[in-house]
């Protein structure tokens, strides 16, 4: 978090953090490092709102693309990413320590005109 490339956002409900997203922006490429929602707060659109916020803020910061890795078995996350326009671009075999594959997803970003 202390790196100049790091960006972090939190979602709050009733003064309690219920989700967060962490991205790195390097030149014109953003990488979503982590996004999570408290299990008790899931299903309320918090993950979708966080992801949309990340996409918009990264574009505003000059990123032209957002990429991420996700466990191949994480169906809910994959559905979230694909609903937001991220498409699978690669598969990384045995990427995680337990041997599970990672799916790489990406989406082009464009700045909104004011």
N, C-alpha and C. Protein backbone atom coordinates (compact mmCIF):
# COMPACT_ATOMS: atom_id res chain seq x y z
N UNK A 1 0.82 -1.22 0.00
CA UNK A 1 0.00 0.00 0.00
C UNK A 1 0.85 1.26 0.00
N UNK A 2 2.06 1.15 0.47
CA UNK A 2 2.93 2.32 0.54
C UNK A 2 3.58 2.69 -0.78
N UNK A 3 3.43 1.86 -1.78
CA UNK A 3 4.02 2.14 -3.09
C UNK A 3 3.23 3.23 -3.82
N UNK A 4 3.93 4.02 -4.59
CA UNK A 4 3.26 5.09 -5.34
C UNK A 4 2.33 4.54 -6.42
N UNK A 5 2.51 3.29 -6.83
CA UNK A 5 1.66 2.69 -7.85
C UNK A 5 0.36 2.12 -7.27
N UNK A 6 0.27 2.02 -5.96
CA UNK A 6 -0.87 1.37 -5.31
C UNK A 6 -2.05 2.32 -5.15
N UNK A 7 -3.23 1.77 -5.38
CA UNK A 7 -4.48 2.49 -5.12
C UNK A 7 -5.37 1.54 -4.33
N UNK A 8 -6.03 2.04 -3.31
CA UNK A 8 -6.90 1.21 -2.49
C UNK A 8 -8.20 1.95 -2.24
N UNK A 9 -9.30 1.23 -2.33
CA UNK A 9 -10.62 1.79 -2.07
C UNK A 9 -11.35 0.88 -1.11
N UNK A 10 -12.19 1.46 -0.28
CA UNK A 10 -12.98 0.65 0.64
C UNK A 10 -14.46 0.98 0.47
N UNK A 11 -15.29 -0.01 0.78
CA UNK A 11 -16.74 0.18 0.80
C UNK A 11 -17.16 0.11 2.27
N UNK A 12 -17.97 1.05 2.68
CA UNK A 12 -18.43 1.09 4.06
C UNK A 12 -19.95 1.01 4.13
N UNK A 13 -20.42 0.40 5.19
CA UNK A 13 -21.85 0.37 5.49
C UNK A 13 -21.96 0.53 7.01
N UNK A 14 -22.75 1.48 7.43
CA UNK A 14 -22.93 1.75 8.86
C UNK A 14 -21.59 1.91 9.57
N UNK A 15 -20.68 2.68 8.95
CA UNK A 15 -19.37 2.99 9.50
C UNK A 15 -18.48 1.75 9.70
N UNK A 16 -18.78 0.69 8.97
CA UNK A 16 -17.98 -0.53 9.02
C UNK A 16 -17.49 -0.85 7.61
N UNK A 17 -16.22 -1.20 7.49
CA UNK A 17 -15.69 -1.59 6.18
C UNK A 17 -16.27 -2.96 5.82
N UNK A 18 -16.91 -3.02 4.64
CA UNK A 18 -17.53 -4.27 4.19
C UNK A 18 -16.89 -4.78 2.90
N UNK A 19 -15.94 -4.05 2.37
CA UNK A 19 -15.26 -4.49 1.17
C UNK A 19 -14.09 -3.59 0.85
N UNK A 20 -13.21 -4.10 0.00
CA UNK A 20 -12.07 -3.29 -0.43
C UNK A 20 -11.61 -3.77 -1.80
N UNK A 21 -10.85 -2.92 -2.46
CA UNK A 21 -10.21 -3.26 -3.72
C UNK A 21 -8.83 -2.62 -3.72
N UNK A 22 -7.86 -3.35 -4.22
CA UNK A 22 -6.48 -2.87 -4.32
C UNK A 22 -6.01 -3.06 -5.76
N UNK A 23 -5.50 -2.00 -6.35
CA UNK A 23 -4.98 -2.07 -7.72
C UNK A 23 -3.62 -1.40 -7.77
N UNK A 24 -2.83 -1.82 -8.72
CA UNK A 24 -1.57 -1.16 -9.03
C UNK A 24 -1.70 -0.55 -10.41
N UNK A 25 -1.21 0.67 -10.57
CA UNK A 25 -1.20 1.32 -11.87
C UNK A 25 0.25 1.60 -12.22
N UNK A 26 0.70 0.99 -13.31
CA UNK A 26 2.05 1.19 -13.80
C UNK A 26 1.95 1.72 -15.23
N UNK A 27 2.34 2.95 -15.40
CA UNK A 27 2.26 3.68 -16.66
C UNK A 27 0.82 3.64 -17.16
N UNK A 28 0.51 2.84 -18.18
CA UNK A 28 -0.85 2.82 -18.72
C UNK A 28 -1.54 1.48 -18.53
N UNK A 29 -1.08 0.71 -17.54
CA UNK A 29 -1.67 -0.60 -17.27
C UNK A 29 -2.02 -0.71 -15.78
N UNK A 30 -3.23 -1.14 -15.50
CA UNK A 30 -3.67 -1.35 -14.13
C UNK A 30 -3.83 -2.84 -13.90
N UNK A 31 -3.48 -3.27 -12.69
CA UNK A 31 -3.69 -4.66 -12.32
C UNK A 31 -4.49 -4.69 -11.03
N UNK A 32 -5.62 -5.38 -11.07
CA UNK A 32 -6.42 -5.55 -9.87
C UNK A 32 -5.76 -6.63 -9.04
N UNK A 33 -5.19 -6.23 -7.92
CA UNK A 33 -4.44 -7.16 -7.07
C UNK A 33 -5.36 -7.95 -6.16
N UNK A 34 -6.41 -7.29 -5.66
CA UNK A 34 -7.31 -7.95 -4.72
C UNK A 34 -8.61 -7.18 -4.65
N UNK A 35 -9.70 -7.93 -4.52
CA UNK A 35 -11.00 -7.34 -4.27
C UNK A 35 -11.75 -8.33 -3.39
N UNK A 36 -12.39 -7.82 -2.35
CA UNK A 36 -13.08 -8.72 -1.42
C UNK A 36 -14.26 -7.99 -0.78
N UNK A 37 -15.27 -8.79 -0.44
CA UNK A 37 -16.45 -8.29 0.26
C UNK A 37 -16.70 -9.20 1.45
N UNK A 38 -17.00 -8.60 2.58
CA UNK A 38 -17.33 -9.35 3.79
C UNK A 38 -18.44 -10.36 3.45
N UNK A 39 -18.25 -11.63 3.83
CA UNK A 39 -19.27 -12.64 3.50
C UNK A 39 -20.68 -12.25 3.92
N UNK A 40 -20.82 -11.55 5.04
CA UNK A 40 -22.15 -11.15 5.51
C UNK A 40 -22.77 -10.05 4.66
N UNK A 41 -21.95 -9.37 3.84
CA UNK A 41 -22.44 -8.27 3.01
C UNK A 41 -22.58 -8.65 1.54
N UNK A 42 -22.26 -9.88 1.20
CA UNK A 42 -22.31 -10.31 -0.20
C UNK A 42 -23.74 -10.36 -0.71
N UNK A 43 -23.88 -10.16 -2.00
CA UNK A 43 -25.19 -10.21 -2.64
C UNK A 43 -25.89 -8.86 -2.68
N UNK A 44 -25.24 -7.83 -2.17
CA UNK A 44 -25.85 -6.50 -2.14
C UNK A 44 -25.29 -5.56 -3.20
N UNK A 45 -24.45 -6.08 -4.11
CA UNK A 45 -23.90 -5.25 -5.18
C UNK A 45 -22.64 -4.52 -4.81
N UNK A 46 -22.08 -4.81 -3.65
CA UNK A 46 -20.87 -4.10 -3.20
C UNK A 46 -19.68 -4.44 -4.09
N UNK A 47 -19.49 -5.71 -4.42
CA UNK A 47 -18.39 -6.10 -5.28
C UNK A 47 -18.49 -5.44 -6.65
N UNK A 48 -19.69 -5.43 -7.20
CA UNK A 48 -19.90 -4.79 -8.50
C UNK A 48 -19.60 -3.30 -8.44
N UNK A 49 -20.07 -2.64 -7.38
CA UNK A 49 -19.81 -1.21 -7.23
C UNK A 49 -18.32 -0.92 -7.06
N UNK A 50 -17.65 -1.74 -6.27
CA UNK A 50 -16.20 -1.56 -6.10
C UNK A 50 -15.48 -1.74 -7.43
N UNK A 51 -15.83 -2.78 -8.17
CA UNK A 51 -15.17 -3.04 -9.44
C UNK A 51 -15.41 -1.90 -10.42
N UNK A 52 -16.62 -1.41 -10.52
CA UNK A 52 -16.91 -0.28 -11.40
C UNK A 52 -16.11 0.96 -10.98
N UNK A 53 -15.98 1.17 -9.68
CA UNK A 53 -15.19 2.30 -9.17
C UNK A 53 -13.73 2.14 -9.57
N UNK A 54 -13.20 0.94 -9.42
CA UNK A 54 -11.81 0.67 -9.80
C UNK A 54 -11.60 0.95 -11.28
N UNK A 55 -12.49 0.44 -12.11
CA UNK A 55 -12.37 0.65 -13.55
C UNK A 55 -12.36 2.14 -13.89
N UNK A 56 -13.25 2.90 -13.29
CA UNK A 56 -13.34 4.33 -13.57
C UNK A 56 -12.11 5.08 -13.06
N UNK A 57 -11.69 4.81 -11.84
CA UNK A 57 -10.54 5.52 -11.27
C UNK A 57 -9.24 5.18 -12.00
N UNK A 58 -9.08 3.93 -12.39
CA UNK A 58 -7.87 3.55 -13.12
C UNK A 58 -7.84 4.23 -14.49
N UNK A 59 -8.98 4.31 -15.15
CA UNK A 59 -9.05 5.01 -16.43
C UNK A 59 -8.72 6.48 -16.25
N UNK A 60 -9.27 7.10 -15.22
CA UNK A 60 -8.99 8.51 -14.94
C UNK A 60 -7.50 8.74 -14.67
N UNK A 61 -6.83 7.74 -14.10
CA UNK A 61 -5.40 7.86 -13.79
C UNK A 61 -4.53 7.59 -15.02
N UNK A 62 -5.15 7.28 -16.15
CA UNK A 62 -4.41 7.10 -17.39
C UNK A 62 -4.18 5.67 -17.82
N UNK A 63 -4.71 4.69 -17.05
CA UNK A 63 -4.56 3.29 -17.46
C UNK A 63 -5.43 3.03 -18.69
N UNK A 64 -4.89 2.28 -19.62
CA UNK A 64 -5.63 1.93 -20.83
C UNK A 64 -6.18 0.52 -20.78
N UNK A 65 -5.72 -0.26 -19.78
CA UNK A 65 -6.16 -1.64 -19.66
C UNK A 65 -6.13 -2.03 -18.19
N UNK A 66 -7.07 -2.88 -17.79
CA UNK A 66 -7.06 -3.48 -16.46
C UNK A 66 -6.96 -4.98 -16.63
N UNK A 67 -6.05 -5.60 -15.89
CA UNK A 67 -5.89 -7.05 -15.93
C UNK A 67 -5.98 -7.60 -14.51
N UNK A 68 -6.29 -8.89 -14.42
CA UNK A 68 -6.35 -9.56 -13.12
C UNK A 68 -6.21 -11.06 -13.32
N UNK A 69 -5.84 -11.74 -12.24
CA UNK A 69 -5.86 -13.19 -12.21
C UNK A 69 -6.93 -13.62 -11.22
N UNK A 70 -7.60 -14.73 -11.53
CA UNK A 70 -8.64 -15.27 -10.66
C UNK A 70 -8.54 -16.79 -10.68
N UNK A 71 -8.80 -17.40 -9.54
CA UNK A 71 -8.79 -18.86 -9.48
C UNK A 71 -9.82 -19.42 -10.45
N UNK A 72 -9.44 -20.46 -11.16
CA UNK A 72 -10.34 -21.07 -12.14
C UNK A 72 -11.62 -21.58 -11.49
N UNK A 73 -11.57 -21.90 -10.21
CA UNK A 73 -12.75 -22.43 -9.51
C UNK A 73 -13.64 -21.34 -8.91
N UNK A 74 -13.27 -20.07 -9.03
CA UNK A 74 -14.02 -18.99 -8.38
C UNK A 74 -15.12 -18.47 -9.31
N UNK A 75 -16.16 -19.26 -9.45
CA UNK A 75 -17.27 -18.91 -10.33
C UNK A 75 -17.92 -17.56 -10.07
N UNK A 76 -18.22 -17.22 -8.80
CA UNK A 76 -18.83 -15.91 -8.54
C UNK A 76 -17.96 -14.74 -8.99
N UNK A 77 -16.65 -14.82 -8.74
CA UNK A 77 -15.76 -13.73 -9.16
C UNK A 77 -15.68 -13.66 -10.68
N UNK A 78 -15.56 -14.81 -11.33
CA UNK A 78 -15.50 -14.82 -12.79
C UNK A 78 -16.76 -14.20 -13.38
N UNK A 79 -17.92 -14.54 -12.82
CA UNK A 79 -19.18 -13.95 -13.30
C UNK A 79 -19.19 -12.44 -13.11
N UNK A 80 -18.70 -11.96 -11.97
CA UNK A 80 -18.62 -10.52 -11.71
C UNK A 80 -17.74 -9.84 -12.75
N UNK A 81 -16.55 -10.40 -12.98
CA UNK A 81 -15.61 -9.78 -13.91
C UNK A 81 -16.16 -9.78 -15.33
N UNK A 82 -16.74 -10.89 -15.75
CA UNK A 82 -17.25 -10.96 -17.11
C UNK A 82 -18.46 -10.05 -17.30
N UNK A 83 -19.29 -9.89 -16.27
CA UNK A 83 -20.43 -8.96 -16.35
C UNK A 83 -19.95 -7.52 -16.50
N UNK A 84 -18.74 -7.24 -16.00
CA UNK A 84 -18.17 -5.89 -16.10
C UNK A 84 -17.34 -5.72 -17.37
N UNK A 85 -17.39 -6.70 -18.26
CA UNK A 85 -16.72 -6.56 -19.54
C UNK A 85 -15.30 -7.08 -19.61
N UNK A 86 -14.83 -7.73 -18.56
CA UNK A 86 -13.50 -8.33 -18.61
C UNK A 86 -13.61 -9.69 -19.29
N UNK A 87 -12.70 -9.98 -20.19
CA UNK A 87 -12.72 -11.23 -20.93
C UNK A 87 -11.48 -12.05 -20.58
N UNK A 88 -11.64 -13.36 -20.56
CA UNK A 88 -10.50 -14.23 -20.29
C UNK A 88 -9.53 -14.15 -21.46
N UNK A 89 -8.27 -13.91 -21.16
CA UNK A 89 -7.25 -13.79 -22.20
C UNK A 89 -6.19 -14.88 -22.12
N UNK A 90 -6.09 -15.54 -20.97
CA UNK A 90 -5.06 -16.58 -20.82
C UNK A 90 -5.41 -17.45 -19.62
N UNK A 91 -4.72 -18.58 -19.54
CA UNK A 91 -4.82 -19.48 -18.39
C UNK A 91 -3.40 -19.75 -17.94
N UNK A 92 -3.15 -19.59 -16.64
CA UNK A 92 -1.82 -19.85 -16.08
C UNK A 92 -1.89 -21.15 -15.28
N UNK A 93 -1.31 -22.19 -15.83
CA UNK A 93 -1.36 -23.50 -15.20
C UNK A 93 -0.61 -23.49 -13.87
N UNK A 94 -1.24 -24.11 -12.86
CA UNK A 94 -0.64 -24.28 -11.53
C UNK A 94 -0.10 -22.97 -10.97
N UNK A 95 -0.81 -21.90 -11.15
CA UNK A 95 -0.38 -20.56 -10.73
C UNK A 95 -0.36 -20.41 -9.21
N UNK A 96 -1.35 -20.98 -8.55
CA UNK A 96 -1.45 -20.83 -7.10
C UNK A 96 -0.67 -21.94 -6.39
N UNK A 97 -0.26 -21.67 -5.17
CA UNK A 97 0.56 -22.62 -4.40
C UNK A 97 -0.06 -24.00 -4.29
N UNK A 98 -1.39 -24.07 -4.26
CA UNK A 98 -2.05 -25.37 -4.15
C UNK A 98 -2.18 -26.08 -5.50
N UNK A 99 -1.65 -25.48 -6.55
CA UNK A 99 -1.65 -26.09 -7.87
C UNK A 99 -2.81 -25.69 -8.77
N UNK A 100 -3.73 -24.90 -8.25
CA UNK A 100 -4.87 -24.49 -9.07
C UNK A 100 -4.43 -23.50 -10.14
N UNK A 101 -5.09 -23.58 -11.30
CA UNK A 101 -4.83 -22.66 -12.40
C UNK A 101 -5.43 -21.29 -12.11
N UNK A 102 -4.83 -20.28 -12.72
CA UNK A 102 -5.39 -18.93 -12.70
C UNK A 102 -5.88 -18.59 -14.09
N UNK A 103 -6.99 -17.88 -14.14
CA UNK A 103 -7.49 -17.35 -15.40
C UNK A 103 -7.15 -15.87 -15.43
N UNK A 104 -6.57 -15.41 -16.52
CA UNK A 104 -6.24 -14.00 -16.69
C UNK A 104 -7.40 -13.35 -17.43
N UNK A 105 -7.91 -12.27 -16.88
CA UNK A 105 -8.97 -11.50 -17.52
C UNK A 105 -8.46 -10.09 -17.76
N UNK A 106 -8.97 -9.44 -18.80
CA UNK A 106 -8.54 -8.08 -19.13
C UNK A 106 -9.69 -7.32 -19.77
N UNK A 107 -9.57 -6.01 -19.68
CA UNK A 107 -10.54 -5.11 -20.32
C UNK A 107 -9.85 -3.81 -20.67
N UNK A 108 -10.12 -3.31 -21.85
CA UNK A 108 -9.60 -1.99 -22.24
C UNK A 108 -10.36 -0.93 -21.43
N UNK A 109 -9.65 0.13 -21.11
CA UNK A 109 -10.24 1.25 -20.36
C UNK A 109 -10.17 2.50 -21.21
N UNK A 110 -11.19 3.33 -21.09
CA UNK A 110 -11.19 4.62 -21.77
C UNK A 110 -11.63 5.68 -20.78
N UNK A 111 -11.01 6.82 -20.87
CA UNK A 111 -11.40 7.94 -20.02
C UNK A 111 -12.71 8.50 -20.49
N UNK A 112 -13.53 8.87 -19.52
CA UNK A 112 -14.79 9.55 -19.87
C UNK A 112 -14.47 11.00 -20.18
N UNK A 113 -15.11 11.52 -21.22
CA UNK A 113 -14.94 12.93 -21.51
C UNK A 113 -15.84 13.74 -20.59
N UNK A 114 -15.36 14.92 -20.23
CA UNK A 114 -16.13 15.76 -19.29
C UNK A 114 -16.95 16.78 -19.99
